[in-house]
Amino acid sequence: MKCFLINLDRSPERLAFFGTQAQRCGMPFERLAGVDGKAMSDTDCDRLRAPTFDFQPINRGEIGLFLSHRAIWERVVKDDLPCAAVFEDDAVLSLDICEVLEAIDREQPEADVIKLETTGRKVVTHQGVPIPGVRHGLHPLLSWHGGTAGYVVTRIGAAKLLDTTWPLADPVDQVIFHPLSRARHNLRVVQLQPAVCIQKNILQTSGLDPAFNTTIDRQATRGPFSRHGLWVDLRRAWKKHLERRLRRRLARKPGHRYDVVPLDRPLA
């Protein structure tokens, strides 16, 4: 399976970190120079932002990250790849990641997006199916599970995402993985269990190298009294309330699991 890595030119430490892991587990990858939102002008940002959004307005860093993911989806469609793995450069990989990607590539499961990562939060999944040849399974993902540190996107899934995500309305992980996202309604999203990657700042909660601090700068959206302004913050609170209600209802249904997605044998 083709593997892509999103890495900003100003983040060589992250590239070295990911490259060392990939070499240890024997995973070749192609680096894609990420779009640096901090270098974009106000005019460019205003041109790219949608007039409305589902959850929150996106800042410069989030715009750059979204454009970087879209560039990979475009490659998947243009090169007619059956599927491809997409990673961000702060992903901690599992020792078994190559074996899992090879199995997914071989089996070509019916999904648009396969989430490879865990964030350590409890999520609702449906009863899944094992992937032949590995100790992992694929479970339909029913509740919010953020992050885009690692996922597999199929050619059909990439085409759907390209069609439904322009102009840019929300952070990319919310668009793909939030159950209340308009784009998400058209996607078949499944969760790999156990997961094979996690963001470094989630796994390492103290003594984190400053090079691995967030590059999307969500703090820049904060105002003196609220994060995005009173009206937007109220909308976000309402969406969070709806998601929690949905999650609780789904968790009670027979055949559903509500637990933390475990991480399998991290390298770092």
C-alpha atoms as a PDB file:
ATOM      1  CA  MET A   1       0.000   0.000   0.000  1.00  0.00           C
ATOM      2  CA  LYS A   2       1.227   3.476  -0.839  1.00  0.00           C
ATOM      3  CA  CYS A   3       2.006   5.462   2.337  1.00  0.00           C
ATOM      4  CA  PHE A   4       2.086   9.263   2.457  1.00  0.00           C
ATOM      5  CA  LEU A   5       3.510  11.474   5.185  1.00  0.00           C
ATOM      6  CA  ILE A   6       2.480  15.109   5.710  1.00  0.00           C
ATOM      7  CA  ASN A   7       5.466  17.114   6.954  1.00  0.00           C
ATOM      8  CA  LEU A   8       6.065  20.871   7.008  1.00  0.00           C
ATOM      9  CA  ASP A   9       9.397  22.112   5.671  1.00  0.00           C
ATOM     10  CA  ARG A  10       9.950  23.850   9.023  1.00  0.00           C
ATOM     11  CA  SER A  11       9.611  20.538  10.939  1.00  0.00           C
ATOM     12  CA  PRO A  12      12.748  18.482  10.145  1.00  0.00           C
ATOM     13  CA  GLU A  13      12.774  16.979  13.656  1.00  0.00           C
ATOM     14  CA  ARG A  14       9.367  15.446  13.044  1.00  0.00           C
ATOM     15  CA  LEU A  15      10.460  14.033   9.699  1.00  0.00           C
ATOM     16  CA  ALA A  16      13.473  12.415  11.346  1.00  0.00           C
ATOM     17  CA  PHE A  17      11.268  10.998  14.120  1.00  0.00           C
ATOM     18  CA  PHE A  18       8.802   9.440  11.706  1.00  0.00           C
ATOM     19  CA  GLY A  19      11.521   8.251   9.336  1.00  0.00           C
ATOM     20  CA  THR A  20      13.330   6.406  12.121  1.00  0.00           C
ATOM     21  CA  GLN A  21      10.144   4.556  13.046  1.00  0.00           C
ATOM     22  CA  ALA A  22       9.324   3.730   9.433  1.00  0.00           C
ATOM     23  CA  GLN A  23      12.826   2.334   8.905  1.00  0.00           C
ATOM     24  CA  ARG A  24      12.555   0.169  12.034  1.00  0.00           C
ATOM     25  CA  CYS A  25       9.329  -1.439  10.902  1.00  0.00           C
ATOM     26  CA  GLY A  26      10.239  -1.531   7.197  1.00  0.00           C
ATOM     27  CA  MET A  27       7.575   0.848   5.923  1.00  0.00           C
ATOM     28  CA  PRO A  28       8.476   2.918   2.849  1.00  0.00           C
ATOM     29  CA  PHE A  29       6.679   6.237   2.568  1.00  0.00           C
ATOM     30  CA  GLU A  30       6.478   9.305   0.368  1.00  0.00           C
ATOM     31  CA  ARG A  31       6.839  12.675   2.054  1.00  0.00           C
ATOM     32  CA  LEU A  32       4.404  15.359   1.002  1.00  0.00           C
ATOM     33  CA  ALA A  33       5.492  18.888   1.886  1.00  0.00           C
ATOM     34  CA  GLY A  34       2.625  20.161   4.010  1.00  0.00           C
ATOM     35  CA  VAL A  35       0.914  23.460   3.256  1.00  0.00           C
ATOM     36  CA  ASP A  36       2.063  25.935   5.896  1.00  0.00           C
ATOM     37  CA  GLY A  37      -1.025  27.874   6.879  1.00  0.00           C
ATOM     38  CA  LYS A  38       1.010  30.388   8.868  1.00  0.00           C
ATOM     39  CA  ALA A  39       2.578  31.582   5.620  1.00  0.00           C
ATOM     40  CA  MET A  40      -0.790  32.246   3.972  1.00  0.00           C
ATOM     41  CA  SER A  41      -2.253  35.722   3.560  1.00  0.00           C
ATOM     42  CA  ASP A  42      -5.590  36.832   4.999  1.00  0.00           C
ATOM     43  CA  THR A  43      -6.913  37.064   1.438  1.00  0.00           C
ATOM     44  CA  ASP A  44      -5.963  33.472   0.691  1.00  0.00           C
ATOM     45  CA  CYS A  45      -7.524  32.220   3.942  1.00  0.00           C
ATOM     46  CA  ASP A  46     -10.766  34.100   3.297  1.00  0.00           C
ATOM     47  CA  ARG A  47     -10.922  32.685  -0.227  1.00  0.00           C
ATOM     48  CA  LEU A  48     -10.542  29.103   1.023  1.00  0.00           C
ATOM     49  CA  ARG A  49     -12.961  29.267   3.966  1.00  0.00           C
ATOM     50  CA  ALA A  50     -16.593  28.306   3.471  1.00  0.00           C
ATOM     51  CA  PRO A  51     -19.156  30.942   4.511  1.00  0.00           C
ATOM     52  CA  THR A  52     -20.769  28.452   6.932  1.00  0.00           C
ATOM     53  CA  PHE A  53     -19.450  25.620   9.070  1.00  0.00           C
ATOM     54  CA  ASP A  54     -20.756  22.711  11.135  1.00  0.00           C
ATOM     55  CA  PHE A  55     -18.605  23.093  14.240  1.00  0.00           C
ATOM     56  CA  GLN A  56     -16.145  25.989  14.256  1.00  0.00           C
ATOM     57  CA  PRO A  57     -14.244  28.308  11.893  1.00  0.00           C
ATOM     58  CA  ILE A  58     -10.803  27.011  10.971  1.00  0.00           C
ATOM     59  CA  ASN A  59      -7.626  28.994  11.543  1.00  0.00           C
ATOM     60  CA  ARG A  60      -4.543  29.268   9.319  1.00  0.00           C
ATOM     61  CA  GLY A  61      -2.850  26.125  10.584  1.00  0.00           C
ATOM     62  CA  GLU A  62      -6.017  24.069  10.197  1.00  0.00           C
ATOM     63  CA  ILE A  63      -6.467  25.384   6.647  1.00  0.00           C
ATOM     64  CA  GLY A  64      -2.922  24.329   5.769  1.00  0.00           C
ATOM     65  CA  LEU A  65      -3.424  20.877   7.275  1.00  0.00           C
ATOM     66  CA  PHE A  66      -6.719  20.399   5.447  1.00  0.00           C
ATOM     67  CA  LEU A  67      -5.134  21.391   2.120  1.00  0.00           C
ATOM     68  CA  SER A  68      -2.330  18.897   2.778  1.00  0.00           C
ATOM     69  CA  HIS A  69      -4.789  16.049   3.297  1.00  0.00           C
ATOM     70  CA  ARG A  70      -6.739  17.085   0.203  1.00  0.00           C
ATOM     71  CA  ALA A  71      -3.535  16.976  -1.840  1.00  0.00           C
ATOM     72  CA  ILE A  72      -3.123  13.315  -0.892  1.00  0.00           C
ATOM     73  CA  TRP A  73      -6.760  12.515  -1.704  1.00  0.00           C
ATOM     74  CA  GLU A  74      -6.171  14.093  -5.108  1.00  0.00           C
ATOM     75  CA  ARG A  75      -3.117  11.863  -5.624  1.00  0.00           C
ATOM     76  CA  VAL A  76      -5.126   8.769  -4.707  1.00  0.00           C
ATOM     77  CA  VAL A  77      -7.789   9.629  -7.278  1.00  0.00           C
ATOM     78  CA  LYS A  78      -5.370  10.843  -9.970  1.00  0.00           C
ATOM     79  CA  ASP A  79      -3.106   7.777  -9.673  1.00  0.00           C
ATOM     80  CA  ASP A  80      -6.128   5.448  -9.390  1.00  0.00           C
ATOM     81  CA  LEU A  81      -4.826   3.860  -6.201  1.00  0.00           C
ATOM     82  CA  PRO A  82      -7.189   1.313  -4.618  1.00  0.00           C
ATOM     83  CA  CYS A  83      -6.251   2.780  -1.234  1.00  0.00           C
ATOM     84  CA  ALA A  84      -3.442   4.634   0.514  1.00  0.00           C
ATOM     85  CA  ALA A  85      -2.277   5.218   4.082  1.00  0.00           C
ATOM     86  CA  VAL A  86      -2.004   8.829   5.285  1.00  0.00           C
ATOM     87  CA  PHE A  87       0.126   9.837   8.273  1.00  0.00           C
ATOM     88  CA  GLU A  88       0.968  13.052  10.075  1.00  0.00           C
ATOM     89  CA  ASP A  89       4.527  13.449  11.253  1.00  0.00           C
ATOM     90  CA  ASP A  90       3.809  13.239  14.991  1.00  0.00           C
ATOM     91  CA  ALA A  91       2.370   9.731  14.704  1.00  0.00           C
ATOM     92  CA  VAL A  92       3.871   7.030  16.912  1.00  0.00           C
ATOM     93  CA  LEU A  93       3.674   3.782  14.948  1.00  0.00           C
ATOM     94  CA  SER A  94       3.086   0.203  15.998  1.00  0.00           C
ATOM     95  CA  LEU A  95       5.612  -2.499  15.333  1.00  0.00           C
ATOM     96  CA  ASP A  96       2.926  -4.374  13.374  1.00  0.00           C
ATOM     97  CA  ILE A  97       1.864  -1.528  11.111  1.00  0.00           C
ATOM     98  CA  CYS A  98       3.329  -2.948   7.891  1.00  0.00           C
ATOM     99  CA  GLU A  99       1.701  -6.314   8.467  1.00  0.00           C
ATOM    100  CA  VAL A 100      -1.650  -4.608   9.061  1.00  0.00           C
ATOM    101  CA  LEU A 101      -1.400  -2.359   5.992  1.00  0.00           C
ATOM    102  CA  GLU A 102      -0.436  -5.318   3.808  1.00  0.00           C
ATOM    103  CA  ALA A 103      -3.455  -7.260   5.103  1.00  0.00           C
ATOM    104  CA  ILE A 104      -5.805  -4.335   4.440  1.00  0.00           C
ATOM    105  CA  ASP A 105      -4.360  -3.912   0.955  1.00  0.00           C
ATOM    106  CA  ARG A 106      -4.798  -7.624   0.276  1.00  0.00           C
ATOM    107  CA  GLU A 107      -8.360  -7.891   1.587  1.00  0.00           C
ATOM    108  CA  GLN A 108      -9.667  -4.522   0.286  1.00  0.00           C
ATOM    109  CA  PRO A 109     -12.448  -4.274   2.924  1.00  0.00           C
ATOM    110  CA  GLU A 110     -15.639  -2.382   2.145  1.00  0.00           C
ATOM    111  CA  ALA A 111     -14.877   1.006   3.665  1.00  0.00           C
ATOM    112  CA  ASP A 112     -14.145   4.551   2.553  1.00  0.00           C
ATOM    113  CA  VAL A 113     -11.887   5.434   5.498  1.00  0.00           C
ATOM    114  CA  ILE A 114     -10.159   3.145   8.003  1.00  0.00           C
ATOM    115  CA  LYS A 115      -9.040   4.940  11.160  1.00  0.00           C
ATOM    116  CA  LEU A 116      -5.700   3.481  12.241  1.00  0.00           C
ATOM    117  CA  GLU A 117      -5.165   5.578  15.364  1.00  0.00           C
ATOM    118  CA  THR A 118      -6.503   5.845  18.861  1.00  0.00           C
ATOM    119  CA  THR A 119      -6.780   8.974  20.966  1.00  0.00           C
ATOM    120  CA  GLY A 120      -7.266   7.114  24.235  1.00  0.00           C
ATOM    121  CA  ARG A 121     -10.906   8.157  24.515  1.00  0.00           C
ATOM    122  CA  LYS A 122     -13.935   5.860  24.709  1.00  0.00           C
ATOM    123  CA  VAL A 123     -15.774   5.467  21.415  1.00  0.00           C
ATOM    124  CA  VAL A 124     -18.761   3.491  20.193  1.00  0.00           C
ATOM    125  CA  THR A 125     -18.158   0.828  17.558  1.00  0.00           C
ATOM    126  CA  HIS A 126     -20.295  -1.919  16.093  1.00  0.00           C
ATOM    127  CA  GLN A 127     -19.372  -5.580  16.088  1.00  0.00           C
ATOM    128  CA  GLY A 128     -16.573  -5.925  13.588  1.00  0.00           C
ATOM    129  CA  VAL A 129     -14.864  -8.530  11.476  1.00  0.00           C
ATOM    130  CA  PRO A 130     -11.304  -9.839  11.850  1.00  0.00           C
ATOM    131  CA  ILE A 131      -8.728  -9.101   9.175  1.00  0.00           C
ATOM    132  CA  PRO A 132      -7.362 -12.441   7.959  1.00  0.00           C
ATOM    133  CA  GLY A 133      -3.712 -12.975   8.832  1.00  0.00           C
ATOM    134  CA  VAL A 134      -3.394 -10.354  11.605  1.00  0.00           C
ATOM    135  CA  ARG A 135      -4.567  -9.847  15.188  1.00  0.00           C
ATOM    136  CA  HIS A 136      -6.704  -6.854  14.254  1.00  0.00           C
ATOM    137  CA  GLY A 137     -10.294  -6.261  13.284  1.00  0.00           C
ATOM    138  CA  LEU A 138     -12.365  -3.600  11.555  1.00  0.00           C
ATOM    139  CA  HIS A 139     -15.333  -2.148  13.454  1.00  0.00           C
ATOM    140  CA  PRO A 140     -17.805   0.413  12.084  1.00  0.00           C
ATOM    141  CA  LEU A 141     -17.101   3.677  13.932  1.00  0.00           C
ATOM    142  CA  LEU A 142     -20.301   5.212  15.278  1.00  0.00           C
ATOM    143  CA  SER A 143     -19.215   8.065  17.577  1.00  0.00           C
ATOM    144  CA  TRP A 144     -16.780  10.979  17.507  1.00  0.00           C
ATOM    145  CA  HIS A 145     -13.125   9.947  17.460  1.00  0.00           C
ATOM    146  CA  GLY A 146     -10.854  12.844  16.539  1.00  0.00           C
ATOM    147  CA  GLY A 147      -7.412  13.078  15.000  1.00  0.00           C
ATOM    148  CA  THR A 148      -5.926  12.407  11.574  1.00  0.00           C
ATOM    149  CA  ALA A 149      -2.519  11.069  12.635  1.00  0.00           C
ATOM    150  CA  GLY A 150      -3.091   7.874  10.658  1.00  0.00           C
ATOM    151  CA  TYR A 151      -5.817   6.475   8.420  1.00  0.00           C
ATOM    152  CA  VAL A 152      -6.358   4.552   5.200  1.00  0.00           C
ATOM    153  CA  VAL A 153      -8.467   6.154   2.494  1.00  0.00           C
ATOM    154  CA  THR A 154      -9.800   4.277  -0.522  1.00  0.00           C
ATOM    155  CA  ARG A 155     -10.058   5.772  -3.986  1.00  0.00           C
ATOM    156  CA  ILE A 156     -13.841   5.957  -3.645  1.00  0.00           C
ATOM    157  CA  GLY A 157     -13.501   7.519  -0.198  1.00  0.00           C
ATOM    158  CA  ALA A 158     -10.996  10.078  -1.473  1.00  0.00           C
ATOM    159  CA  ALA A 159     -13.343  11.052  -4.308  1.00  0.00           C
ATOM    160  CA  LYS A 160     -16.224  11.481  -1.848  1.00  0.00           C
ATOM    161  CA  LEU A 161     -14.105  13.653   0.433  1.00  0.00           C
ATOM    162  CA  LEU A 162     -12.926  15.838  -2.433  1.00  0.00           C
ATOM    163  CA  ASP A 163     -16.517  16.359  -3.557  1.00  0.00           C
ATOM    164  CA  THR A 164     -17.832  17.305  -0.101  1.00  0.00           C
ATOM    165  CA  THR A 165     -15.030  19.383   1.435  1.00  0.00           C
ATOM    166  CA  TRP A 166     -14.680  22.450  -0.761  1.00  0.00           C
ATOM    167  CA  PRO A 167     -14.514  25.213   0.287  1.00  0.00           C
ATOM    168  CA  LEU A 168     -13.075  24.374   3.706  1.00  0.00           C
ATOM    169  CA  ALA A 169     -15.620  24.540   6.510  1.00  0.00           C
ATOM    170  CA  ASP A 170     -14.221  22.730   9.574  1.00  0.00           C
ATOM    171  CA  PRO A 171     -11.035  21.034  10.858  1.00  0.00           C
ATOM    172  CA  VAL A 172     -10.271  17.949   8.782  1.00  0.00           C
ATOM    173  CA  ASP A 173     -10.674  15.413  11.593  1.00  0.00           C
ATOM    174  CA  GLN A 174     -14.143  16.724  12.443  1.00  0.00           C
ATOM    175  CA  VAL A 175     -15.180  16.560   8.800  1.00  0.00           C
ATOM    176  CA  ILE A 176     -14.116  12.903   8.457  1.00  0.00           C
ATOM    177  CA  PHE A 177     -14.844  11.430  11.872  1.00  0.00           C
ATOM    178  CA  HIS A 178     -17.568  13.448  13.605  1.00  0.00           C
ATOM    179  CA  PRO A 179     -20.968  11.710  13.321  1.00  0.00           C
ATOM    180  CA  LEU A 180     -22.732  15.080  12.918  1.00  0.00           C
ATOM    181  CA  SER A 181     -20.526  16.187  10.033  1.00  0.00           C
ATOM    182  CA  ARG A 182     -22.339  16.561   6.725  1.00  0.00           C
ATOM    183  CA  ALA A 183     -19.455  14.922   4.839  1.00  0.00           C
ATOM    184  CA  ARG A 184     -19.380  12.038   7.333  1.00  0.00           C
ATOM    185  CA  HIS A 185     -22.940  10.992   6.472  1.00  0.00           C
ATOM    186  CA  ASN A 186     -21.764   9.830   3.051  1.00  0.00           C
ATOM    187  CA  LEU A 187     -18.709   7.927   4.291  1.00  0.00           C
ATOM    188  CA  ARG A 188     -18.268   4.331   5.433  1.00  0.00           C
ATOM    189  CA  VAL A 189     -15.805   4.796   8.310  1.00  0.00           C
ATOM    190  CA  VAL A 190     -14.385   1.887  10.272  1.00  0.00           C
ATOM    191  CA  GLN A 191     -12.024   1.724  13.256  1.00  0.00           C
ATOM    192  CA  LEU A 192      -9.027  -0.590  13.382  1.00  0.00           C
ATOM    193  CA  GLN A 193      -8.816  -2.441  16.712  1.00  0.00           C
ATOM    194  CA  PRO A 194      -6.294  -2.543  18.205  1.00  0.00           C
ATOM    195  CA  ALA A 195      -4.961   0.696  16.730  1.00  0.00           C
ATOM    196  CA  VAL A 196      -1.504   0.927  15.177  1.00  0.00           C
ATOM    197  CA  CYS A 197      -0.686   4.603  15.776  1.00  0.00           C
ATOM    198  CA  ILE A 198      -1.244   7.480  18.177  1.00  0.00           C
ATOM    199  CA  GLN A 199      -0.169  11.113  18.328  1.00  0.00           C
ATOM    200  CA  LYS A 200       3.058  11.562  20.252  1.00  0.00           C
ATOM    201  CA  ASN A 201       1.643  14.225  22.565  1.00  0.00           C
ATOM    202  CA  ILE A 202      -1.117  11.839  23.668  1.00  0.00           C
ATOM    203  CA  LEU A 203       1.258   8.973  24.366  1.00  0.00           C
ATOM    204  CA  GLN A 204       3.881  11.189  26.031  1.00  0.00           C
ATOM    205  CA  THR A 205       2.054  13.471  28.446  1.00  0.00           C
ATOM    206  CA  SER A 206       5.140  15.007  30.086  1.00  0.00           C
ATOM    207  CA  GLY A 207       8.604  16.085  28.955  1.00  0.00           C
ATOM    208  CA  LEU A 208       7.465  16.475  25.353  1.00  0.00           C
ATOM    209  CA  ASP A 209      10.021  17.870  22.920  1.00  0.00           C
ATOM    210  CA  PRO A 210       8.819  21.381  21.892  1.00  0.00           C
ATOM    211  CA  ALA A 211       9.230  20.294  18.258  1.00  0.00           C
ATOM    212  CA  PHE A 212       6.121  18.164  18.775  1.00  0.00           C
ATOM    213  CA  ASN A 213       3.881  20.927  20.047  1.00  0.00           C
ATOM    214  CA  THR A 214       0.877  21.455  17.803  1.00  0.00           C
ATOM    215  CA  THR A 215       1.626  23.169  14.483  1.00  0.00           C
ATOM    216  CA  ILE A 216      -1.977  24.236  13.858  1.00  0.00           C
ATOM    217  CA  ASP A 217      -1.986  26.786  16.708  1.00  0.00           C
ATOM    218  CA  ARG A 218      -5.553  26.460  17.952  1.00  0.00           C
ATOM    219  CA  GLN A 219      -4.729  29.014  20.648  1.00  0.00           C
ATOM    220  CA  ALA A 220      -4.720  31.679  17.934  1.00  0.00           C
ATOM    221  CA  THR A 221      -8.502  31.378  17.670  1.00  0.00           C
ATOM    222  CA  ARG A 222      -9.081  32.299  21.323  1.00  0.00           C
ATOM    223  CA  GLY A 223     -10.590  35.651  22.228  1.00  0.00           C
ATOM    224  CA  PRO A 224     -10.375  37.455  25.581  1.00  0.00           C
ATOM    225  CA  PHE A 225     -13.571  35.858  26.974  1.00  0.00           C
ATOM    226  CA  SER A 226     -14.395  32.952  24.659  1.00  0.00           C
ATOM    227  CA  ARG A 227     -12.742  30.742  22.107  1.00  0.00           C
ATOM    228  CA  HIS A 228     -14.521  31.855  18.938  1.00  0.00           C
ATOM    229  CA  GLY A 229     -17.038  34.405  20.160  1.00  0.00           C
ATOM    230  CA  LEU A 230     -20.220  33.846  22.138  1.00  0.00           C
ATOM    231  CA  TRP A 231     -22.495  32.728  19.289  1.00  0.00           C
ATOM    232  CA  VAL A 232     -20.031  30.225  17.831  1.00  0.00           C
ATOM    233  CA  ASP A 233     -19.142  28.899  21.266  1.00  0.00           C
ATOM    234  CA  LEU A 234     -22.834  28.328  22.011  1.00  0.00           C
ATOM    235  CA  ARG A 235     -23.215  26.454  18.727  1.00  0.00           C
ATOM    236  CA  ARG A 236     -20.192  24.300  19.566  1.00  0.00           C
ATOM    237  CA  ALA A 237     -21.597  23.552  23.016  1.00  0.00           C
ATOM    238  CA  TRP A 238     -24.921  22.505  21.475  1.00  0.00           C
ATOM    239  CA  LYS A 239     -23.207  20.192  18.955  1.00  0.00           C
ATOM    240  CA  LYS A 240     -21.171  18.640  21.785  1.00  0.00           C
ATOM    241  CA  HIS A 241     -24.377  18.076  23.726  1.00  0.00           C
ATOM    242  CA  LEU A 242     -26.008  16.385  20.726  1.00  0.00           C
ATOM    243  CA  GLU A 243     -22.947  14.194  20.175  1.00  0.00           C
ATOM    244  CA  ARG A 244     -22.901  13.101  23.824  1.00  0.00           C
ATOM    245  CA  ARG A 245     -26.607  12.199  23.669  1.00  0.00           C
ATOM    246  CA  LEU A 246     -26.032  10.252  20.453  1.00  0.00           C
ATOM    247  CA  ARG A 247     -23.040   8.452  21.956  1.00  0.00           C
ATOM    248  CA  ARG A 248     -24.950   7.441  25.088  1.00  0.00           C
ATOM    249  CA  ARG A 249     -27.857   6.151  23.017  1.00  0.00           C
ATOM    250  CA  LEU A 250     -25.620   4.168  20.677  1.00  0.00           C
ATOM    251  CA  ALA A 251     -23.615   2.735  23.571  1.00  0.00           C
ATOM    252  CA  ARG A 252     -26.756   1.094  24.963  1.00  0.00           C
ATOM    253  CA  LYS A 253     -27.668  -0.749  21.775  1.00  0.00           C
ATOM    254  CA  PRO A 254     -27.060  -4.508  21.550  1.00  0.00           C
ATOM    255  CA  GLY A 255     -23.981  -5.423  19.556  1.00  0.00           C
ATOM    256  CA  HIS A 256     -22.279  -2.078  20.192  1.00  0.00           C
ATOM    257  CA  ARG A 257     -19.034  -1.604  22.116  1.00  0.00           C
ATOM    258  CA  TYR A 258     -18.215   1.489  24.152  1.00  0.00           C
ATOM    259  CA  ASP A 259     -14.584   1.453  25.192  1.00  0.00           C
ATOM    260  CA  VAL A 260     -11.114   2.852  24.574  1.00  0.00           C
ATOM    261  CA  VAL A 261      -9.474   1.651  21.379  1.00  0.00           C
ATOM    262  CA  PRO A 262      -6.251  -0.028  22.580  1.00  0.00           C
ATOM    263  CA  LEU A 263      -2.861   0.724  21.044  1.00  0.00           C
ATOM    264  CA  ASP A 264      -0.827  -2.205  19.764  1.00  0.00           C
ATOM    265  CA  ARG A 265       2.931  -2.322  20.548  1.00  0.00           C
ATOM    266  CA  PRO A 266       4.076   1.300  19.904  1.00  0.00           C
ATOM    267  CA  LEU A 267       7.637   1.795  18.633  1.00  0.00           C
ATOM    268  CA  ALA A 268       8.358   5.041  20.515  1.00  0.00           C
END
